[in-house]
C-alpha atoms as a PDB file:
ATOM      1  CA  UNK A   1     -40.722-168.260-103.372  1.00  0.00           C
ATOM      2  CA  UNK A   2     -39.777-167.922 -99.706  1.00  0.00           C
ATOM      3  CA  UNK A   3     -36.253-168.238 -98.411  1.00  0.00           C
ATOM      4  CA  UNK A   4     -36.064-170.504 -95.348  1.00  0.00           C
ATOM      5  CA  UNK A   5     -33.257-169.001 -93.609  1.00  0.00           C
ATOM      6  CA  UNK A   6     -31.257-165.574 -93.682  1.00  0.00           C
ATOM      7  CA  UNK A   7     -28.501-165.534 -95.890  1.00  0.00           C
ATOM      8  CA  UNK A   8     -25.950-162.510 -96.595  1.00  0.00           C
ATOM      9  CA  UNK A   9     -23.079-162.097 -99.017  1.00  0.00           C
ATOM     10  CA  UNK A  10     -20.898-159.101 -99.578  1.00  0.00           C
ATOM     11  CA  UNK A  11     -18.296-157.762-101.993  1.00  0.00           C
ATOM     12  CA  UNK A  12     -16.024-154.799-101.981  1.00  0.00           C
ATOM     13  CA  UNK A  13     -15.354-153.411-105.200  1.00  0.00           C
ATOM     14  CA  UNK A  14     -12.915-150.910-106.500  1.00  0.00           C
ATOM     15  CA  UNK A  15     -14.535-147.627-107.644  1.00  0.00           C
ATOM     16  CA  UNK A  16     -13.943-148.405-111.406  1.00  0.00           C
ATOM     17  CA  UNK A  17     -16.327-149.391-114.082  1.00  0.00           C
ATOM     18  CA  UNK A  18     -13.899-152.553-114.703  1.00  0.00           C
ATOM     19  CA  UNK A  19     -15.547-153.877-111.561  1.00  0.00           C
ATOM     20  CA  UNK A  20     -18.986-154.438-113.090  1.00  0.00           C
ATOM     21  CA  UNK A  21     -18.073-157.777-114.499  1.00  0.00           C
ATOM     22  CA  UNK A  22     -17.338-159.120-110.757  1.00  0.00           C
ATOM     23  CA  UNK A  23     -20.328-157.449-109.596  1.00  0.00           C
ATOM     24  CA  UNK A  24     -22.484-159.468-112.081  1.00  0.00           C
ATOM     25  CA  UNK A  25     -20.739-162.622-111.170  1.00  0.00           C
ATOM     26  CA  UNK A  26     -21.349-161.941-107.307  1.00  0.00           C
ATOM     27  CA  UNK A  27     -25.056-161.124-108.275  1.00  0.00           C
ATOM     28  CA  UNK A  28     -25.569-164.426-110.157  1.00  0.00           C
ATOM     29  CA  UNK A  29     -23.865-166.448-107.487  1.00  0.00           C
ATOM     30  CA  UNK A  30     -26.392-165.198-104.997  1.00  0.00           C
ATOM     31  CA  UNK A  31     -29.103-165.710-107.337  1.00  0.00           C
ATOM     32  CA  UNK A  32     -28.306-169.381-108.169  1.00  0.00           C
ATOM     33  CA  UNK A  33     -27.652-170.100-104.312  1.00  0.00           C
ATOM     34  CA  UNK A  34     -31.104-168.994-103.491  1.00  0.00           C
ATOM     35  CA  UNK A  35     -32.808-170.218-106.701  1.00  0.00           C
ATOM     36  CA  UNK A  36     -33.997-166.890-107.473  1.00  0.00           C
ATOM     37  CA  UNK A  37     -36.179-166.284-110.606  1.00  0.00           C
ATOM     38  CA  UNK A  38     -35.003-164.810-113.611  1.00  0.00           C
ATOM     39  CA  UNK A  39     -37.017-161.722-113.160  1.00  0.00           C
ATOM     40  CA  UNK A  40     -35.714-161.027-109.642  1.00  0.00           C
ATOM     41  CA  UNK A  41     -32.149-161.615-110.953  1.00  0.00           C
ATOM     42  CA  UNK A  42     -32.857-158.956-113.787  1.00  0.00           C
ATOM     43  CA  UNK A  43     -33.978-156.500-111.442  1.00  0.00           C
ATOM     44  CA  UNK A  44     -31.291-157.036-108.980  1.00  0.00           C
ATOM     45  CA  UNK A  45     -28.623-156.608-111.720  1.00  0.00           C
ATOM     46  CA  UNK A  46     -30.192-153.479-113.317  1.00  0.00           C
ATOM     47  CA  UNK A  47     -30.662-151.660-109.604  1.00  0.00           C
ATOM     48  CA  UNK A  48     -27.111-152.648-108.524  1.00  0.00           C
ATOM     49  CA  UNK A  49     -25.395-151.648-111.925  1.00  0.00           C
ATOM     50  CA  UNK A  50     -27.260-148.247-111.898  1.00  0.00           C
ATOM     51  CA  UNK A  51     -26.450-147.211-108.222  1.00  0.00           C
ATOM     52  CA  UNK A  52     -22.806-148.708-108.579  1.00  0.00           C
ATOM     53  CA  UNK A  53     -22.282-146.772-111.606  1.00  0.00           C
ATOM     54  CA  UNK A  54     -23.468-143.654-110.480  1.00  0.00           C
ATOM     55  CA  UNK A  55     -21.396-144.024-107.291  1.00  0.00           C
ATOM     56  CA  UNK A  56     -18.417-144.298-109.409  1.00  0.00           C
ATOM     57  CA  UNK A  57     -19.193-141.488-111.747  1.00  0.00           C
ATOM     58  CA  UNK A  58     -20.368-138.989-109.453  1.00  0.00           C
ATOM     59  CA  UNK A  59     -17.430-139.411-107.033  1.00  0.00           C
ATOM     60  CA  UNK A  60     -14.372-139.375-109.270  1.00  0.00           C
ATOM     61  CA  UNK A  61     -11.308-139.304-107.459  1.00  0.00           C
ATOM     62  CA  UNK A  62     -12.419-140.808-104.263  1.00  0.00           C
ATOM     63  CA  UNK A  63     -10.142-143.710-103.380  1.00  0.00           C
ATOM     64  CA  UNK A  64     -12.506-145.488-101.591  1.00  0.00           C
ATOM     65  CA  UNK A  65     -14.045-148.813-102.356  1.00  0.00           C
ATOM     66  CA  UNK A  66     -17.725-149.504-102.715  1.00  0.00           C
ATOM     67  CA  UNK A  67     -19.245-152.276-100.482  1.00  0.00           C
ATOM     68  CA  UNK A  68     -22.309-154.110-101.932  1.00  0.00           C
ATOM     69  CA  UNK A  69     -24.227-156.551 -99.670  1.00  0.00           C
ATOM     70  CA  UNK A  70     -27.037-158.937-100.623  1.00  0.00           C
ATOM     71  CA  UNK A  71     -29.337-160.459 -97.914  1.00  0.00           C
ATOM     72  CA  UNK A  72     -32.093-162.897 -98.506  1.00  0.00           C
ATOM     73  CA  UNK A  73     -34.555-163.020 -95.517  1.00  0.00           C
ATOM     74  CA  UNK A  74     -38.114-164.859 -95.930  1.00  0.00           C
ATOM     75  CA  UNK A  75     -40.001-163.213 -98.942  1.00  0.00           C
ATOM     76  CA  UNK A  76     -37.330-160.463 -99.960  1.00  0.00           C
ATOM     77  CA  UNK A  77     -34.127-159.755-101.090  1.00  0.00           C
ATOM     78  CA  UNK A  78     -32.284-156.791 -99.681  1.00  0.00           C
ATOM     79  CA  UNK A  79     -29.437-154.835-101.235  1.00  0.00           C
ATOM     80  CA  UNK A  80     -27.299-152.460 -99.528  1.00  0.00           C
ATOM     81  CA  UNK A  81     -24.765-150.326-101.335  1.00  0.00           C
ATOM     82  CA  UNK A  82     -22.204-148.247 -99.197  1.00  0.00           C
ATOM     83  CA  UNK A  83     -20.144-145.432-100.410  1.00  0.00           C
ATOM     84  CA  UNK A  84     -17.693-143.580 -98.046  1.00  0.00           C
ATOM     85  CA  UNK A  85     -16.407-139.998 -97.915  1.00  0.00           C
ATOM     86  CA  UNK A  86     -18.952-138.678-100.330  1.00  0.00           C
ATOM     87  CA  UNK A  87     -21.248-135.718-100.503  1.00  0.00           C
ATOM     88  CA  UNK A  88     -25.183-136.612 -99.855  1.00  0.00           C
ATOM     89  CA  UNK A  89     -27.451-137.252-102.761  1.00  0.00           C
ATOM     90  CA  UNK A  90     -30.619-138.740-101.733  1.00  0.00           C
ATOM     91  CA  UNK A  91     -31.957-140.649-104.658  1.00  0.00           C
ATOM     92  CA  UNK A  92     -35.400-141.128-103.008  1.00  0.00           C
ATOM     93  CA  UNK A  93     -35.874-137.224-103.315  1.00  0.00           C
ATOM     94  CA  UNK A  94     -34.441-137.030-106.882  1.00  0.00           C
ATOM     95  CA  UNK A  95     -37.188-136.450-109.508  1.00  0.00           C
ATOM     96  CA  UNK A  96     -36.136-137.237-112.974  1.00  0.00           C
ATOM     97  CA  UNK A  97     -36.879-134.404-115.454  1.00  0.00           C
ATOM     98  CA  UNK A  98     -39.051-134.791-118.525  1.00  0.00           C
ATOM     99  CA  UNK A  99     -40.055-138.369-118.291  1.00  0.00           C
ATOM    100  CA  UNK A 100     -43.341-137.627-120.171  1.00  0.00           C
ATOM    101  CA  UNK A 101     -41.307-136.333-123.421  1.00  0.00           C
ATOM    102  CA  UNK A 102     -40.038-138.388-126.022  1.00  0.00           C
ATOM    103  CA  UNK A 103     -36.618-139.681-125.660  1.00  0.00           C
ATOM    104  CA  UNK A 104     -34.956-137.422-128.073  1.00  0.00           C
ATOM    105  CA  UNK A 105     -36.184-134.326-126.409  1.00  0.00           C
ATOM    106  CA  UNK A 106     -35.225-135.504-122.924  1.00  0.00           C
ATOM    107  CA  UNK A 107     -32.344-134.095-120.944  1.00  0.00           C
ATOM    108  CA  UNK A 108     -29.807-136.769-120.090  1.00  0.00           C
ATOM    109  CA  UNK A 109     -29.886-138.251-116.414  1.00  0.00           C
ATOM    110  CA  UNK A 110     -32.201-139.613-114.137  1.00  0.00           C
ATOM    111  CA  UNK A 111     -34.015-142.405-116.189  1.00  0.00           C
ATOM    112  CA  UNK A 112     -31.856-144.819-114.211  1.00  0.00           C
ATOM    113  CA  UNK A 113     -32.892-143.889-110.779  1.00  0.00           C
ATOM    114  CA  UNK A 114     -36.425-143.785-112.230  1.00  0.00           C
ATOM    115  CA  UNK A 115     -35.697-147.565-113.397  1.00  0.00           C
ATOM    116  CA  UNK A 116     -34.321-148.614-110.305  1.00  0.00           C
ATOM    117  CA  UNK A 117     -37.455-147.330-108.204  1.00  0.00           C
ATOM    118  CA  UNK A 118     -39.711-149.163-110.761  1.00  0.00           C
ATOM    119  CA  UNK A 119     -37.951-152.371-110.478  1.00  0.00           C
ATOM    120  CA  UNK A 120     -37.392-152.552-106.790  1.00  0.00           C
ATOM    121  CA  UNK A 121     -40.194-152.547-104.339  1.00  0.00           C
ATOM    122  CA  UNK A 122     -38.472-150.359-101.742  1.00  0.00           C
ATOM    123  CA  UNK A 123     -35.477-147.667-101.640  1.00  0.00           C
ATOM    124  CA  UNK A 124     -33.999-146.134 -98.812  1.00  0.00           C
ATOM    125  CA  UNK A 125     -31.297-143.664 -98.386  1.00  0.00           C
ATOM    126  CA  UNK A 126     -29.168-143.136 -95.294  1.00  0.00           C
ATOM    127  CA  UNK A 127     -26.245-140.523 -94.788  1.00  0.00           C
ATOM    128  CA  UNK A 128     -24.198-140.017 -91.814  1.00  0.00           C
ATOM    129  CA  UNK A 129     -20.408-139.179 -91.305  1.00  0.00           C
ATOM    130  CA  UNK A 130     -19.899-138.530 -95.255  1.00  0.00           C
ATOM    131  CA  UNK A 131     -21.178-142.255 -95.589  1.00  0.00           C
ATOM    132  CA  UNK A 132     -24.060-142.899 -98.202  1.00  0.00           C
ATOM    133  CA  UNK A 133     -25.963-146.016 -97.718  1.00  0.00           C
ATOM    134  CA  UNK A 134     -28.549-146.926-100.138  1.00  0.00           C
ATOM    135  CA  UNK A 135     -30.656-149.665 -99.518  1.00  0.00           C
ATOM    136  CA  UNK A 136     -33.098-151.741-101.990  1.00  0.00           C
ATOM    137  CA  UNK A 137     -35.643-154.355-101.303  1.00  0.00           C
ATOM    138  CA  UNK A 138     -37.257-156.733-103.709  1.00  0.00           C
ATOM    139  CA  UNK A 139     -40.139-158.886-102.615  1.00  0.00           C
ATOM    140  CA  UNK A 140     -39.961-162.207-103.986  1.00  0.00           C
ATOM    141  CA  UNK A 141     -43.169-163.084-105.997  1.00  0.00           C
ATOM    142  CA  UNK A 142     -44.172-159.593-106.754  1.00  0.00           C
ATOM    143  CA  UNK A 143     -44.512-159.100-110.305  1.00  0.00           C
ATOM    144  CA  UNK A 144     -43.194-155.628-110.872  1.00  0.00           C
ATOM    145  CA  UNK A 145     -40.629-156.362-113.501  1.00  0.00           C
END
């Protein structure tokens, strides 16, 4: 399904896991406004939650809010999560350990990033002036969910 016009929404969330409910409401509003499929909605929710939770968990004590932007443009949805005053962590270079081993034998961590890469079509990372920006692109109509 193609979106005829560009449209952008953003939300600024406190750095706490309690913001997840508001984030899902935000995603749902965007999905309904743009008549996105259930598969696209699921992919966006999974990816945004995973990245947001990682930003919260790995930067405890940081008082800065996290900004999430959603943009619909023609045949894709672009998600940007921006986190300030943080150390760099390039998820595009992160390699999860032991994905080929049974779940009971795996070390914790990394599976979420693997899922984000699997559900989204593009994952980009920028870091400048202690600001981390992760951009996720989901092409509409592409069946990788």
